[in-house]
Protein backbone atom coordinates (compact mmCIF):
# COMPACT_ATOMS: atom_id res chain seq x y z
CA MET A 1 32.45 -24.52 -14.80
CA ASN A 2 33.95 -28.16 -14.87
CA GLU A 3 37.41 -28.98 -16.51
CA LEU A 4 35.73 -30.80 -19.46
CA GLU A 5 33.76 -27.26 -20.22
CA ILE A 6 37.09 -25.32 -19.84
CA PHE A 7 38.98 -27.65 -22.20
CA LEU A 8 36.33 -27.57 -24.92
CA ARG A 9 36.27 -23.61 -24.88
CA LEU A 10 39.89 -23.52 -24.99
CA SER A 11 40.26 -26.17 -27.85
CA LEU A 12 37.71 -24.55 -29.94
CA ALA A 13 39.25 -21.27 -29.70
CA GLY A 14 42.85 -22.68 -30.32
CA LEU A 15 41.85 -24.88 -33.35
CA ALA A 16 39.62 -22.27 -34.94
CA ILE A 17 42.67 -19.63 -34.57
CA VAL A 18 45.18 -22.25 -36.33
CA ILE A 19 42.85 -22.96 -39.13
CA THR A 20 41.97 -19.26 -39.53
CA VAL A 21 45.96 -18.48 -39.83
CA ILE A 22 46.23 -21.49 -42.42
CA SER A 23 43.43 -20.20 -44.49
CA VAL A 24 44.42 -16.76 -44.58
CA PHE A 25 48.14 -17.67 -45.39
CA SER A 26 46.71 -19.83 -48.33
CA PHE A 27 44.29 -16.97 -49.42
CA LEU A 28 47.58 -14.72 -49.90
CA LYS A 29 49.48 -17.21 -51.60
CA VAL A 30 46.65 -18.12 -54.03
CA ARG A 31 44.37 -15.13 -54.04
CA ASP A 32 41.00 -17.36 -54.63
CA GLY A 33 37.72 -15.84 -53.71
CA LYS A 34 36.70 -19.34 -52.16
CA ILE A 35 39.72 -19.46 -49.99
CA ALA A 36 38.71 -16.05 -48.84
CA LEU A 37 35.24 -16.98 -47.92
CA ALA A 38 36.51 -20.19 -46.15
CA SER A 39 38.79 -17.69 -44.23
CA LEU A 40 35.92 -15.54 -42.97
CA GLY A 41 34.02 -18.49 -42.00
CA PHE A 42 37.02 -19.86 -39.79
CA CYS A 43 37.78 -16.30 -38.76
CA LEU A 44 34.18 -16.04 -37.07
CA PHE A 45 34.44 -19.50 -35.41
CA ALA A 46 37.70 -18.00 -33.95
CA VAL A 47 35.76 -15.10 -32.81
CA GLU A 48 33.09 -17.36 -31.22
CA GLY A 49 35.65 -19.23 -29.35
CA THR A 50 37.57 -16.29 -28.35
CA MET A 51 34.26 -15.12 -26.71
CA LEU A 52 33.63 -18.20 -24.96
CA SER A 53 37.21 -18.50 -23.85
CA PHE A 54 37.06 -14.88 -22.30
CA GLY A 55 34.05 -16.44 -20.35
CA ILE A 56 36.71 -18.74 -18.54
CA PHE A 57 39.09 -15.73 -17.52
CA PHE A 58 36.48 -13.08 -17.15
CA PRO A 59 33.44 -14.19 -15.50
CA ALA A 60 31.57 -10.93 -15.92
CA VAL A 61 31.81 -11.34 -19.68
CA GLU A 62 29.55 -14.24 -19.76
CA ALA A 63 26.61 -12.02 -18.81
CA TYR A 64 27.11 -10.20 -22.25
CA ILE A 65 27.40 -13.42 -24.32
CA SER A 66 23.96 -14.58 -25.13
CA VAL A 67 22.98 -18.05 -26.97
CA GLU A 68 21.47 -16.02 -29.72
CA LEU A 69 24.88 -14.14 -30.10
CA LEU A 70 26.98 -17.48 -30.06
CA THR A 71 24.22 -19.27 -32.55
CA GLY A 72 24.23 -16.11 -35.03
CA ILE A 73 28.03 -16.33 -35.04
CA ALA A 74 27.89 -19.91 -35.71
CA PHE A 75 25.20 -19.46 -38.22
CA LEU A 76 27.23 -16.75 -40.18
CA SER A 77 30.18 -18.96 -40.30
CA LEU A 78 28.23 -22.04 -41.85
CA ILE A 79 27.14 -19.68 -44.48
CA PHE A 80 30.46 -18.33 -45.32
CA LEU A 81 31.90 -22.02 -45.54
CA TYR A 82 28.89 -23.08 -47.51
CA LEU A 83 29.45 -20.24 -50.14
CA SER A 84 33.07 -21.05 -50.54
CA ILE A 85 32.05 -24.67 -51.44
CA VAL A 86 29.15 -23.59 -53.90
CA LYS A 87 31.05 -20.46 -55.38
CA ARG A 88 32.55 -21.20 -58.92
């Protein structure tokens, strides 16, 4: 694993966690269902980033993280983000 991969994994996790926290606080303030869906989408991105980051510190975890699992999480994240835009 090179430095660029480590940087990208940690950046993905960090940015996703920051955006999740901001969107959750926005939801708590406004109580809008669209923001709740966006928060769920960003939360799933944070889960994906955290799983990738665990692979840096715990190499044994890499064996349990499959491409299909990460792709499924990303797909669900995009669905929630799409629904937050489409919902009236």
